[in-house]
Amino acid sequence: MAEPTTMNAVIHAAVRRDLRRLDAALAAPPAAQPGRARQLRTGYAHLHDQLGKHHQQEEELVFPALQRLGVDTTLIGEMEDEHAAMVAALGETATAMTTYAASPSAESAAQARQSVLATQQVVERHLAHEEAELEPRIAPHLDSEEWKAVEKQFRKQPPTVVGRFFAWLTDDADPASAAYLRSTIPAPVVAVLSKVLGRGYQKQIAPIWR
């Protein structure tokens, strides 16, 4: 994997990582362990929430700013359509995971995994499209006042929300993502965000994937 050059790429890596984790866990689910099924539902719900927040920020902040900067509105429309497809797919998987958690069995695990794999395809199609076509359109504007205003809005989050976000990003992050974070944010700051402010994630979500 090439080293990410934006925070967006690091977020995408975390999304891909969690979908792989979930697929692996559902591929060999422990028999008759309702607690584990509920854990996996919780893990998926966290991913669903993080991805939903990410796309909300894109739709409310990023896409309007890009339109003002003159980025092709056709491309932005494609991104919005892909977001809608992801909302539908993620919702279907949420239902499948709830069914699995309520009645864990080899059959319900297989059905949940099938849904995860289908959603993974929808998500990957969008992430790859965004990385290939949208990110290069953003790059020339990174130093513009318009984009700096967007980044300022990104930072207007409660400390616990930011902490949970960084705890999620750094949880078993791939080397390229970890290197990007080290190059842009002082290590002590990342440590405080992910370990202190992100302790809710460390206690509730991280153990699911261990």
N, C-alpha and C. Protein backbone atom coordinates (compact mmCIF):
# COMPACT_ATOMS: atom_id res chain seq x y z
N MET A 1 0.84 -1.20 0.00
CA MET A 1 0.00 0.00 0.00
C MET A 1 0.88 1.25 0.00
N ALA A 2 0.59 2.19 -0.89
CA ALA A 2 1.33 3.44 -0.91
C ALA A 2 1.00 4.24 0.35
N GLU A 3 1.98 5.02 0.79
CA GLU A 3 1.75 5.80 2.01
C GLU A 3 0.66 6.83 1.78
N PRO A 4 -0.36 6.87 2.65
CA PRO A 4 -1.43 7.85 2.49
C PRO A 4 -0.89 9.28 2.55
N THR A 5 -1.50 10.16 1.78
CA THR A 5 -1.08 11.56 1.79
C THR A 5 -2.17 12.46 2.34
N THR A 6 -3.28 11.89 2.76
CA THR A 6 -4.37 12.67 3.35
C THR A 6 -4.98 11.89 4.51
N MET A 7 -5.65 12.62 5.39
CA MET A 7 -6.38 11.96 6.46
C MET A 7 -7.51 11.10 5.90
N ASN A 8 -8.06 11.53 4.78
CA ASN A 8 -9.13 10.77 4.15
C ASN A 8 -8.66 9.35 3.83
N ALA A 9 -7.44 9.23 3.32
CA ALA A 9 -6.90 7.91 2.98
C ALA A 9 -6.71 7.06 4.23
N VAL A 10 -6.33 7.69 5.34
CA VAL A 10 -6.16 6.95 6.60
C VAL A 10 -7.52 6.44 7.08
N ILE A 11 -8.55 7.27 6.96
CA ILE A 11 -9.90 6.84 7.33
C ILE A 11 -10.34 5.67 6.47
N HIS A 12 -10.09 5.75 5.19
CA HIS A 12 -10.44 4.65 4.29
C HIS A 12 -9.74 3.36 4.70
N ALA A 13 -8.48 3.47 5.10
CA ALA A 13 -7.74 2.28 5.53
C ALA A 13 -8.38 1.66 6.77
N ALA A 14 -8.86 2.50 7.69
CA ALA A 14 -9.51 1.98 8.90
C ALA A 14 -10.83 1.29 8.56
N VAL A 15 -11.57 1.84 7.61
CA VAL A 15 -12.82 1.21 7.18
C VAL A 15 -12.54 -0.15 6.57
N ARG A 16 -11.58 -0.21 5.68
CA ARG A 16 -11.22 -1.49 5.04
C ARG A 16 -10.77 -2.51 6.08
N ARG A 17 -9.96 -2.06 7.04
CA ARG A 17 -9.47 -2.95 8.10
C ARG A 17 -10.63 -3.57 8.89
N ASP A 18 -11.61 -2.76 9.27
CA ASP A 18 -12.72 -3.27 10.07
C ASP A 18 -13.59 -4.23 9.27
N LEU A 19 -13.78 -3.97 8.00
CA LEU A 19 -14.56 -4.90 7.18
C LEU A 19 -13.83 -6.23 7.03
N ARG A 20 -12.51 -6.19 6.91
CA ARG A 20 -11.74 -7.44 6.87
C ARG A 20 -11.84 -8.18 8.19
N ARG A 21 -11.76 -7.46 9.29
CA ARG A 21 -11.87 -8.09 10.61
C ARG A 21 -13.21 -8.79 10.76
N LEU A 22 -14.26 -8.11 10.36
CA LEU A 22 -15.60 -8.66 10.52
C LEU A 22 -15.77 -9.89 9.64
N ASP A 23 -15.28 -9.82 8.43
CA ASP A 23 -15.35 -10.97 7.53
C ASP A 23 -14.63 -12.17 8.14
N ALA A 24 -13.43 -11.93 8.65
CA ALA A 24 -12.66 -13.02 9.24
C ALA A 24 -13.37 -13.62 10.46
N ALA A 25 -13.96 -12.77 11.28
CA ALA A 25 -14.65 -13.26 12.49
C ALA A 25 -15.88 -14.08 12.12
N LEU A 26 -16.59 -13.65 11.09
CA LEU A 26 -17.81 -14.37 10.70
C LEU A 26 -17.51 -15.62 9.89
N ALA A 27 -16.30 -15.70 9.33
CA ALA A 27 -15.94 -16.88 8.54
C ALA A 27 -15.79 -18.12 9.41
N ALA A 28 -15.45 -17.90 10.68
CA ALA A 28 -15.28 -19.03 11.60
C ALA A 28 -15.88 -18.66 12.95
N PRO A 29 -17.21 -18.43 13.01
CA PRO A 29 -17.82 -17.99 14.27
C PRO A 29 -17.84 -19.11 15.30
N PRO A 30 -17.57 -18.81 16.56
CA PRO A 30 -17.66 -19.84 17.60
C PRO A 30 -19.10 -20.31 17.75
N ALA A 31 -19.30 -21.60 17.83
CA ALA A 31 -20.66 -22.15 17.91
C ALA A 31 -21.31 -21.81 19.25
N ALA A 32 -22.57 -21.48 19.21
CA ALA A 32 -23.40 -21.29 20.41
C ALA A 32 -22.77 -20.34 21.43
N GLN A 33 -22.28 -19.22 20.95
CA GLN A 33 -21.73 -18.20 21.85
C GLN A 33 -22.44 -16.87 21.56
N PRO A 34 -23.60 -16.66 22.16
CA PRO A 34 -24.35 -15.42 21.92
C PRO A 34 -23.55 -14.17 22.27
N GLY A 35 -22.70 -14.28 23.29
CA GLY A 35 -21.90 -13.11 23.68
C GLY A 35 -20.99 -12.65 22.56
N ARG A 36 -20.38 -13.60 21.86
CA ARG A 36 -19.49 -13.24 20.75
C ARG A 36 -20.29 -12.63 19.60
N ALA A 37 -21.45 -13.16 19.33
CA ALA A 37 -22.29 -12.61 18.27
C ALA A 37 -22.68 -11.16 18.59
N ARG A 38 -22.99 -10.90 19.84
CA ARG A 38 -23.34 -9.53 20.23
C ARG A 38 -22.13 -8.60 20.12
N GLN A 39 -20.95 -9.13 20.45
CA GLN A 39 -19.73 -8.34 20.29
C GLN A 39 -19.54 -7.92 18.84
N LEU A 40 -19.71 -8.86 17.93
CA LEU A 40 -19.50 -8.56 16.52
C LEU A 40 -20.54 -7.57 16.01
N ARG A 41 -21.75 -7.68 16.51
CA ARG A 41 -22.76 -6.68 16.13
C ARG A 41 -22.32 -5.30 16.62
N THR A 42 -21.79 -5.24 17.85
CA THR A 42 -21.32 -3.97 18.39
C THR A 42 -20.15 -3.42 17.57
N GLY A 43 -19.24 -4.29 17.20
CA GLY A 43 -18.11 -3.87 16.38
C GLY A 43 -18.57 -3.31 15.04
N TYR A 44 -19.53 -3.99 14.44
CA TYR A 44 -20.05 -3.49 13.17
C TYR A 44 -20.77 -2.15 13.37
N ALA A 45 -21.55 -2.04 14.43
CA ALA A 45 -22.29 -0.80 14.70
C ALA A 45 -21.32 0.38 14.84
N HIS A 46 -20.16 0.13 15.45
CA HIS A 46 -19.18 1.20 15.59
C HIS A 46 -18.64 1.63 14.23
N LEU A 47 -18.31 0.67 13.39
CA LEU A 47 -17.85 1.00 12.05
C LEU A 47 -18.93 1.77 11.28
N HIS A 48 -20.16 1.30 11.38
CA HIS A 48 -21.29 1.95 10.71
C HIS A 48 -21.39 3.40 11.16
N ASP A 49 -21.24 3.63 12.45
CA ASP A 49 -21.33 4.99 12.99
C ASP A 49 -20.20 5.88 12.49
N GLN A 50 -18.97 5.36 12.52
CA GLN A 50 -17.83 6.16 12.07
C GLN A 50 -17.94 6.51 10.59
N LEU A 51 -18.36 5.54 9.80
CA LEU A 51 -18.49 5.78 8.37
C LEU A 51 -19.62 6.76 8.08
N GLY A 52 -20.70 6.65 8.85
CA GLY A 52 -21.80 7.59 8.69
C GLY A 52 -21.39 9.02 9.01
N LYS A 53 -20.62 9.20 10.08
CA LYS A 53 -20.14 10.54 10.44
C LYS A 53 -19.21 11.09 9.37
N HIS A 54 -18.36 10.23 8.85
CA HIS A 54 -17.42 10.65 7.81
C HIS A 54 -18.17 11.15 6.58
N HIS A 55 -19.16 10.41 6.17
CA HIS A 55 -19.90 10.80 4.98
C HIS A 55 -20.79 12.02 5.23
N GLN A 56 -21.27 12.16 6.43
CA GLN A 56 -22.04 13.36 6.76
C GLN A 56 -21.16 14.60 6.63
N GLN A 57 -19.92 14.51 7.12
CA GLN A 57 -18.99 15.63 6.99
C GLN A 57 -18.69 15.93 5.53
N GLU A 58 -18.53 14.89 4.73
CA GLU A 58 -18.28 15.11 3.32
C GLU A 58 -19.46 15.82 2.66
N GLU A 59 -20.66 15.36 2.95
CA GLU A 59 -21.84 15.93 2.30
C GLU A 59 -22.16 17.34 2.78
N GLU A 60 -21.91 17.62 4.05
CA GLU A 60 -22.24 18.93 4.60
C GLU A 60 -21.13 19.96 4.46
N LEU A 61 -19.88 19.50 4.40
CA LEU A 61 -18.75 20.43 4.37
C LEU A 61 -17.90 20.32 3.10
N VAL A 62 -17.48 19.10 2.78
CA VAL A 62 -16.53 18.92 1.69
C VAL A 62 -17.15 19.18 0.32
N PHE A 63 -18.26 18.53 0.04
CA PHE A 63 -18.84 18.65 -1.30
C PHE A 63 -19.29 20.09 -1.62
N PRO A 64 -19.95 20.78 -0.69
CA PRO A 64 -20.30 22.18 -0.99
C PRO A 64 -19.07 23.06 -1.23
N ALA A 65 -18.00 22.82 -0.44
CA ALA A 65 -16.78 23.61 -0.62
C ALA A 65 -16.17 23.33 -2.00
N LEU A 66 -16.17 22.08 -2.40
CA LEU A 66 -15.60 21.75 -3.71
C LEU A 66 -16.42 22.36 -4.84
N GLN A 67 -17.71 22.40 -4.67
CA GLN A 67 -18.54 23.06 -5.68
C GLN A 67 -18.19 24.54 -5.79
N ARG A 68 -17.98 25.18 -4.64
CA ARG A 68 -17.61 26.60 -4.66
C ARG A 68 -16.23 26.81 -5.29
N LEU A 69 -15.39 25.79 -5.18
CA LEU A 69 -14.04 25.87 -5.76
C LEU A 69 -14.02 25.48 -7.23
N GLY A 70 -15.16 25.10 -7.76
CA GLY A 70 -15.26 24.81 -9.18
C GLY A 70 -15.01 23.38 -9.58
N VAL A 71 -15.00 22.46 -8.62
CA VAL A 71 -14.82 21.04 -8.95
C VAL A 71 -16.06 20.53 -9.68
N ASP A 72 -15.85 19.66 -10.63
CA ASP A 72 -16.90 19.12 -11.49
C ASP A 72 -18.10 18.63 -10.67
N THR A 73 -19.25 19.24 -10.90
CA THR A 73 -20.44 18.86 -10.14
C THR A 73 -20.93 17.46 -10.51
N THR A 74 -20.61 17.01 -11.72
CA THR A 74 -20.99 15.65 -12.12
C THR A 74 -20.29 14.63 -11.22
N LEU A 75 -19.01 14.84 -10.97
CA LEU A 75 -18.26 13.94 -10.10
C LEU A 75 -18.82 13.97 -8.68
N ILE A 76 -19.12 15.15 -8.19
CA ILE A 76 -19.70 15.26 -6.85
C ILE A 76 -21.04 14.54 -6.78
N GLY A 77 -21.84 14.64 -7.83
CA GLY A 77 -23.10 13.91 -7.88
C GLY A 77 -22.89 12.40 -7.84
N GLU A 78 -21.85 11.93 -8.50
CA GLU A 78 -21.54 10.50 -8.45
C GLU A 78 -21.17 10.07 -7.03
N MET A 79 -20.41 10.92 -6.34
CA MET A 79 -20.04 10.62 -4.96
C MET A 79 -21.29 10.53 -4.08
N GLU A 80 -22.21 11.44 -4.28
CA GLU A 80 -23.45 11.45 -3.48
C GLU A 80 -24.29 10.21 -3.78
N ASP A 81 -24.34 9.80 -5.03
CA ASP A 81 -25.08 8.58 -5.39
C ASP A 81 -24.44 7.35 -4.74
N GLU A 82 -23.12 7.33 -4.71
CA GLU A 82 -22.42 6.20 -4.09
C GLU A 82 -22.65 6.19 -2.58
N HIS A 83 -22.72 7.37 -1.97
CA HIS A 83 -23.05 7.45 -0.55
C HIS A 83 -24.42 6.84 -0.30
N ALA A 84 -25.38 7.16 -1.15
CA ALA A 84 -26.73 6.62 -0.98
C ALA A 84 -26.73 5.10 -1.10
N ALA A 85 -25.95 4.57 -2.04
CA ALA A 85 -25.86 3.12 -2.19
C ALA A 85 -25.22 2.48 -0.96
N MET A 86 -24.26 3.17 -0.38
CA MET A 86 -23.61 2.66 0.82
C MET A 86 -24.56 2.68 2.01
N VAL A 87 -25.36 3.73 2.13
CA VAL A 87 -26.34 3.79 3.23
C VAL A 87 -27.26 2.59 3.17
N ALA A 88 -27.73 2.26 1.97
CA ALA A 88 -28.62 1.11 1.82
C ALA A 88 -27.91 -0.19 2.19
N ALA A 89 -26.71 -0.38 1.66
CA ALA A 89 -25.97 -1.61 1.92
C ALA A 89 -25.61 -1.75 3.40
N LEU A 90 -25.15 -0.67 4.00
CA LEU A 90 -24.79 -0.70 5.42
C LEU A 90 -26.01 -0.99 6.29
N GLY A 91 -27.16 -0.46 5.90
CA GLY A 91 -28.38 -0.74 6.65
C GLY A 91 -28.78 -2.20 6.56
N GLU A 92 -28.63 -2.79 5.38
CA GLU A 92 -28.94 -4.21 5.22
C GLU A 92 -28.02 -5.07 6.08
N THR A 93 -26.76 -4.69 6.13
CA THR A 93 -25.82 -5.45 6.96
C THR A 93 -26.11 -5.27 8.44
N ALA A 94 -26.55 -4.08 8.83
CA ALA A 94 -26.93 -3.86 10.23
C ALA A 94 -28.07 -4.80 10.61
N THR A 95 -29.03 -4.97 9.72
CA THR A 95 -30.14 -5.89 9.98
C THR A 95 -29.64 -7.32 10.09
N ALA A 96 -28.73 -7.70 9.19
CA ALA A 96 -28.19 -9.07 9.22
C ALA A 96 -27.40 -9.32 10.50
N MET A 97 -26.64 -8.32 10.95
CA MET A 97 -25.87 -8.49 12.18
C MET A 97 -26.78 -8.55 13.40
N THR A 98 -27.88 -7.80 13.39
CA THR A 98 -28.84 -7.85 14.49
C THR A 98 -29.50 -9.22 14.55
N THR A 99 -29.82 -9.76 13.39
CA THR A 99 -30.42 -11.10 13.34
C THR A 99 -29.44 -12.14 13.87
N TYR A 100 -28.19 -12.02 13.47
CA TYR A 100 -27.17 -12.95 13.94
C TYR A 100 -27.00 -12.86 15.45
N ALA A 101 -26.96 -11.63 15.98
CA ALA A 101 -26.77 -11.45 17.42
C ALA A 101 -27.96 -12.00 18.21
N ALA A 102 -29.16 -11.89 17.64
CA ALA A 102 -30.37 -12.36 18.34
C ALA A 102 -30.48 -13.87 18.33
N SER A 103 -29.96 -14.49 17.28
CA SER A 103 -30.06 -15.94 17.16
C SER A 103 -28.81 -16.49 16.48
N PRO A 104 -27.71 -16.56 17.22
CA PRO A 104 -26.45 -16.99 16.60
C PRO A 104 -26.46 -18.46 16.21
N SER A 105 -26.09 -18.70 14.99
CA SER A 105 -25.99 -20.06 14.47
C SER A 105 -25.08 -20.01 13.26
N ALA A 106 -24.70 -21.19 12.77
CA ALA A 106 -23.86 -21.23 11.57
C ALA A 106 -24.59 -20.58 10.40
N GLU A 107 -25.90 -20.80 10.34
CA GLU A 107 -26.67 -20.24 9.23
C GLU A 107 -26.76 -18.72 9.32
N SER A 108 -27.08 -18.19 10.49
CA SER A 108 -27.20 -16.74 10.61
C SER A 108 -25.84 -16.06 10.46
N ALA A 109 -24.77 -16.74 10.90
CA ALA A 109 -23.43 -16.19 10.71
C ALA A 109 -23.08 -16.13 9.23
N ALA A 110 -23.43 -17.19 8.50
CA ALA A 110 -23.15 -17.22 7.06
C ALA A 110 -23.93 -16.13 6.33
N GLN A 111 -25.18 -15.93 6.74
CA GLN A 111 -25.99 -14.88 6.11
C GLN A 111 -25.42 -13.50 6.43
N ALA A 112 -24.98 -13.31 7.67
CA ALA A 112 -24.38 -12.03 8.05
C ALA A 112 -23.10 -11.79 7.26
N ARG A 113 -22.30 -12.85 7.12
CA ARG A 113 -21.04 -12.70 6.36
C ARG A 113 -21.33 -12.38 4.89
N GLN A 114 -22.31 -13.03 4.33
CA GLN A 114 -22.67 -12.74 2.94
C GLN A 114 -23.04 -11.27 2.77
N SER A 115 -23.77 -10.74 3.74
CA SER A 115 -24.15 -9.33 3.70
C SER A 115 -22.93 -8.43 3.85
N VAL A 116 -22.03 -8.80 4.75
CA VAL A 116 -20.80 -8.02 4.94
C VAL A 116 -19.99 -7.98 3.64
N LEU A 117 -19.86 -9.10 2.98
CA LEU A 117 -19.08 -9.15 1.74
C LEU A 117 -19.73 -8.31 0.64
N ALA A 118 -21.05 -8.34 0.58
CA ALA A 118 -21.75 -7.52 -0.41
C ALA A 118 -21.54 -6.04 -0.11
N THR A 119 -21.64 -5.67 1.15
CA THR A 119 -21.43 -4.28 1.54
C THR A 119 -19.98 -3.87 1.31
N GLN A 120 -19.07 -4.78 1.56
CA GLN A 120 -17.65 -4.49 1.34
C GLN A 120 -17.41 -4.10 -0.12
N GLN A 121 -18.07 -4.76 -1.04
CA GLN A 121 -17.92 -4.43 -2.47
C GLN A 121 -18.45 -3.03 -2.77
N VAL A 122 -19.61 -2.70 -2.19
CA VAL A 122 -20.19 -1.37 -2.41
C VAL A 122 -19.28 -0.29 -1.83
N VAL A 123 -18.78 -0.54 -0.63
CA VAL A 123 -17.90 0.43 0.03
C VAL A 123 -16.60 0.60 -0.75
N GLU A 124 -16.00 -0.51 -1.15
CA GLU A 124 -14.72 -0.46 -1.85
C GLU A 124 -14.85 0.28 -3.19
N ARG A 125 -15.96 0.07 -3.87
CA ARG A 125 -16.19 0.76 -5.14
C ARG A 125 -16.14 2.28 -4.93
N HIS A 126 -16.78 2.72 -3.85
CA HIS A 126 -16.79 4.16 -3.58
C HIS A 126 -15.43 4.67 -3.13
N LEU A 127 -14.80 3.96 -2.20
CA LEU A 127 -13.51 4.43 -1.69
C LEU A 127 -12.49 4.54 -2.82
N ALA A 128 -12.45 3.53 -3.67
CA ALA A 128 -11.49 3.54 -4.78
C ALA A 128 -11.79 4.68 -5.75
N HIS A 129 -13.06 4.92 -6.02
CA HIS A 129 -13.45 6.00 -6.92
C HIS A 129 -13.06 7.36 -6.33
N GLU A 130 -13.32 7.52 -5.05
CA GLU A 130 -12.99 8.78 -4.38
C GLU A 130 -11.49 9.03 -4.41
N GLU A 131 -10.71 7.98 -4.12
CA GLU A 131 -9.26 8.11 -4.09
C GLU A 131 -8.69 8.42 -5.48
N ALA A 132 -9.27 7.78 -6.50
CA ALA A 132 -8.74 7.94 -7.85
C ALA A 132 -9.14 9.26 -8.50
N GLU A 133 -10.36 9.73 -8.22
CA GLU A 133 -10.85 10.88 -8.96
C GLU A 133 -11.12 12.14 -8.12
N LEU A 134 -11.59 11.96 -6.89
CA LEU A 134 -11.92 13.16 -6.11
C LEU A 134 -10.70 13.73 -5.41
N GLU A 135 -9.91 12.86 -4.78
CA GLU A 135 -8.75 13.38 -4.03
C GLU A 135 -7.81 14.20 -4.91
N PRO A 136 -7.53 13.79 -6.16
CA PRO A 136 -6.67 14.65 -6.99
C PRO A 136 -7.29 16.02 -7.28
N ARG A 137 -8.63 16.11 -7.24
CA ARG A 137 -9.29 17.40 -7.46
C ARG A 137 -9.20 18.27 -6.20
N ILE A 138 -9.06 17.63 -5.05
CA ILE A 138 -8.95 18.39 -3.79
C ILE A 138 -7.54 18.94 -3.61
N ALA A 139 -6.54 18.15 -4.02
CA ALA A 139 -5.13 18.48 -3.74
C ALA A 139 -4.73 19.91 -4.10
N PRO A 140 -5.13 20.44 -5.25
CA PRO A 140 -4.70 21.81 -5.58
C PRO A 140 -5.26 22.89 -4.65
N HIS A 141 -6.27 22.53 -3.88
CA HIS A 141 -6.96 23.52 -3.04
C HIS A 141 -6.62 23.42 -1.56
N LEU A 142 -5.68 22.54 -1.20
CA LEU A 142 -5.42 22.29 0.21
C LEU A 142 -4.94 23.53 0.96
N ASP A 143 -4.31 24.45 0.26
CA ASP A 143 -3.83 25.67 0.92
C ASP A 143 -4.78 26.85 0.76
N SER A 144 -5.94 26.61 0.17
CA SER A 144 -6.89 27.71 -0.04
C SER A 144 -7.63 28.03 1.25
N GLU A 145 -8.13 29.24 1.35
CA GLU A 145 -8.89 29.65 2.52
C GLU A 145 -10.18 28.82 2.63
N GLU A 146 -10.75 28.49 1.49
CA GLU A 146 -11.98 27.69 1.47
C GLU A 146 -11.75 26.34 2.13
N TRP A 147 -10.64 25.69 1.78
CA TRP A 147 -10.37 24.37 2.35
C TRP A 147 -9.94 24.46 3.81
N LYS A 148 -9.20 25.50 4.15
CA LYS A 148 -8.80 25.67 5.55
C LYS A 148 -10.04 25.85 6.43
N ALA A 149 -11.07 26.50 5.89
CA ALA A 149 -12.32 26.66 6.65
C ALA A 149 -13.00 25.31 6.87
N VAL A 150 -12.92 24.44 5.88
CA VAL A 150 -13.48 23.10 6.02
C VAL A 150 -12.74 22.34 7.12
N GLU A 151 -11.42 22.40 7.08
CA GLU A 151 -10.63 21.70 8.09
C GLU A 151 -10.91 22.23 9.49
N LYS A 152 -11.14 23.53 9.58
CA LYS A 152 -11.48 24.12 10.89
C LYS A 152 -12.78 23.54 11.41
N GLN A 153 -13.74 23.35 10.53
CA GLN A 153 -15.01 22.75 10.93
C GLN A 153 -14.82 21.29 11.36
N PHE A 154 -13.92 20.58 10.68
CA PHE A 154 -13.63 19.21 11.07
C PHE A 154 -13.20 19.13 12.53
N ARG A 155 -12.44 20.12 12.95
CA ARG A 155 -11.86 20.09 14.31
C ARG A 155 -12.85 20.50 15.38
N LYS A 156 -14.01 20.98 15.00
CA LYS A 156 -15.01 21.41 15.98
C LYS A 156 -15.84 20.21 16.44
N GLN A 157 -15.20 19.35 17.19
CA GLN A 157 -15.85 18.15 17.70
C GLN A 157 -15.58 18.05 19.20
N PRO A 158 -16.50 17.47 19.97
CA PRO A 158 -16.23 17.26 21.40
C PRO A 158 -14.98 16.40 21.59
N PRO A 159 -14.22 16.65 22.63
CA PRO A 159 -12.98 15.90 22.85
C PRO A 159 -13.17 14.38 22.86
N THR A 160 -14.27 13.91 23.46
CA THR A 160 -14.47 12.46 23.51
C THR A 160 -14.74 11.89 22.12
N VAL A 161 -15.38 12.67 21.26
CA VAL A 161 -15.63 12.21 19.88
C VAL A 161 -14.31 12.13 19.12
N VAL A 162 -13.47 13.15 19.29
CA VAL A 162 -12.16 13.15 18.64
C VAL A 162 -11.31 12.00 19.18
N GLY A 163 -11.36 11.79 20.48
CA GLY A 163 -10.58 10.71 21.08
C GLY A 163 -11.00 9.35 20.55
N ARG A 164 -12.28 9.12 20.48
CA ARG A 164 -12.78 7.84 19.97
C ARG A 164 -12.37 7.65 18.51
N PHE A 165 -12.43 8.73 17.74
CA PHE A 165 -12.04 8.68 16.34
C PHE A 165 -10.57 8.29 16.20
N PHE A 166 -9.69 8.92 16.97
CA PHE A 166 -8.27 8.60 16.86
C PHE A 166 -7.95 7.22 17.42
N ALA A 167 -8.66 6.81 18.45
CA ALA A 167 -8.46 5.45 18.96
C ALA A 167 -8.81 4.43 17.89
N TRP A 168 -9.88 4.70 17.14
CA TRP A 168 -10.28 3.82 16.05
C TRP A 168 -9.24 3.82 14.93
N LEU A 169 -8.79 5.01 14.53
CA LEU A 169 -7.82 5.09 13.45
C LEU A 169 -6.54 4.34 13.77
N THR A 170 -6.07 4.46 15.01
CA THR A 170 -4.76 3.92 15.37
C THR A 170 -4.81 2.47 15.82
N ASP A 171 -5.99 1.91 15.99
CA ASP A 171 -6.12 0.52 16.44
C ASP A 171 -5.62 -0.43 15.36
N ASP A 172 -4.42 -0.98 15.58
CA ASP A 172 -3.82 -1.89 14.61
C ASP A 172 -3.72 -1.24 13.23
N ALA A 173 -3.38 0.05 13.21
CA ALA A 173 -3.24 0.76 11.94
C ALA A 173 -2.11 0.15 11.12
N ASP A 174 -2.30 0.15 9.81
CA ASP A 174 -1.23 -0.36 8.94
C ASP A 174 -0.05 0.60 9.00
N PRO A 175 1.16 0.13 8.65
CA PRO A 175 2.36 0.98 8.78
C PRO A 175 2.26 2.30 8.03
N ALA A 176 1.65 2.29 6.85
CA ALA A 176 1.56 3.52 6.05
C ALA A 176 0.67 4.55 6.74
N SER A 177 -0.45 4.11 7.30
CA SER A 177 -1.34 5.03 8.01
C SER A 177 -0.67 5.58 9.26
N ALA A 178 0.01 4.69 9.99
CA ALA A 178 0.71 5.12 11.21
C ALA A 178 1.79 6.14 10.86
N ALA A 179 2.49 5.93 9.75
CA ALA A 179 3.54 6.85 9.34
C ALA A 179 2.95 8.21 8.98
N TYR A 180 1.82 8.21 8.32
CA TYR A 180 1.19 9.48 7.97
C TYR A 180 0.79 10.25 9.23
N LEU A 181 0.19 9.56 10.19
CA LEU A 181 -0.22 10.24 11.42
C LEU A 181 0.99 10.81 12.16
N ARG A 182 2.08 10.03 12.19
CA ARG A 182 3.29 10.51 12.86
C ARG A 182 3.84 11.76 12.18
N SER A 183 3.67 11.83 10.86
CA SER A 183 4.24 12.94 10.10
C SER A 183 3.41 14.22 10.20
N THR A 184 2.18 14.11 10.66
CA THR A 184 1.28 15.27 10.66
C THR A 184 0.81 15.70 12.05
N ILE A 185 0.86 14.79 13.01
CA ILE A 185 0.37 15.10 14.35
C ILE A 185 1.42 14.64 15.37
N PRO A 186 1.82 15.48 16.30
CA PRO A 186 2.82 15.06 17.29
C PRO A 186 2.39 13.79 18.03
N ALA A 187 3.32 12.88 18.20
CA ALA A 187 3.01 11.59 18.83
C ALA A 187 2.35 11.74 20.20
N PRO A 188 2.80 12.67 21.06
CA PRO A 188 2.13 12.81 22.36
C PRO A 188 0.66 13.19 22.23
N VAL A 189 0.34 13.99 21.21
CA VAL A 189 -1.05 14.39 21.00
C VAL A 189 -1.89 13.19 20.58
N VAL A 190 -1.36 12.39 19.67
CA VAL A 190 -2.07 11.19 19.24
C VAL A 190 -2.27 10.25 20.42
N ALA A 191 -1.25 10.13 21.27
CA ALA A 191 -1.35 9.24 22.42
C ALA A 191 -2.44 9.69 23.38
N VAL A 192 -2.51 10.98 23.66
CA VAL A 192 -3.55 11.49 24.56
C VAL A 192 -4.92 11.29 23.95
N LEU A 193 -5.06 11.61 22.67
CA LEU A 193 -6.35 11.46 22.01
C LEU A 193 -6.81 10.01 22.02
N SER A 194 -5.94 9.10 21.61
CA SER A 194 -6.35 7.71 21.42
C SER A 194 -6.40 6.91 22.72
N LYS A 195 -5.50 7.20 23.64
CA LYS A 195 -5.42 6.40 24.87
C LYS A 195 -6.20 6.99 26.04
N VAL A 196 -6.26 8.30 26.11
CA VAL A 196 -6.94 8.95 27.24
C VAL A 196 -8.37 9.32 26.85
N LEU A 197 -8.49 10.22 25.88
CA LEU A 197 -9.83 10.62 25.45
C LEU A 197 -10.55 9.50 24.70
N GLY A 198 -9.76 8.58 24.17
CA GLY A 198 -10.37 7.46 23.46
C GLY A 198 -10.51 6.19 24.28
N ARG A 199 -10.48 6.33 25.61
CA ARG A 199 -10.50 5.12 26.45
C ARG A 199 -11.82 4.36 26.33
N GLY A 200 -12.90 5.05 25.95
CA GLY A 200 -14.16 4.33 25.74
C GLY A 200 -14.03 3.32 24.62
N TYR A 201 -13.38 3.73 23.54
CA TYR A 201 -13.12 2.80 22.44
C TYR A 201 -12.20 1.68 22.92
N GLN A 202 -11.16 2.03 23.65
CA GLN A 202 -10.20 1.02 24.10
C GLN A 202 -10.85 -0.05 24.97
N LYS A 203 -11.87 0.35 25.75
CA LYS A 203 -12.53 -0.60 26.64
C LYS A 203 -13.66 -1.37 25.95
N GLN A 204 -14.39 -0.70 25.08
CA GLN A 204 -15.62 -1.28 24.53
C GLN A 204 -15.46 -1.92 23.16
N ILE A 205 -14.59 -1.36 22.31
CA ILE A 205 -14.52 -1.81 20.92
C ILE A 205 -13.25 -2.59 20.61
N ALA A 206 -12.11 -2.05 21.01
CA ALA A 206 -10.84 -2.70 20.66
C ALA A 206 -10.78 -4.17 21.06
N PRO A 207 -11.28 -4.55 22.27
CA PRO A 207 -11.19 -5.97 22.65
C PRO A 207 -11.96 -6.91 21.73
N ILE A 208 -12.94 -6.40 21.02
CA ILE A 208 -13.72 -7.24 20.11
C ILE A 208 -12.82 -7.87 19.05
N TRP A 209 -11.81 -7.14 18.64
CA TRP A 209 -10.97 -7.59 17.52
C TRP A 209 -9.69 -8.27 17.97
N ARG A 210 -9.54 -8.49 19.28
CA ARG A 210 -8.30 -9.12 19.76
C ARG A 210 -8.40 -10.65 19.73
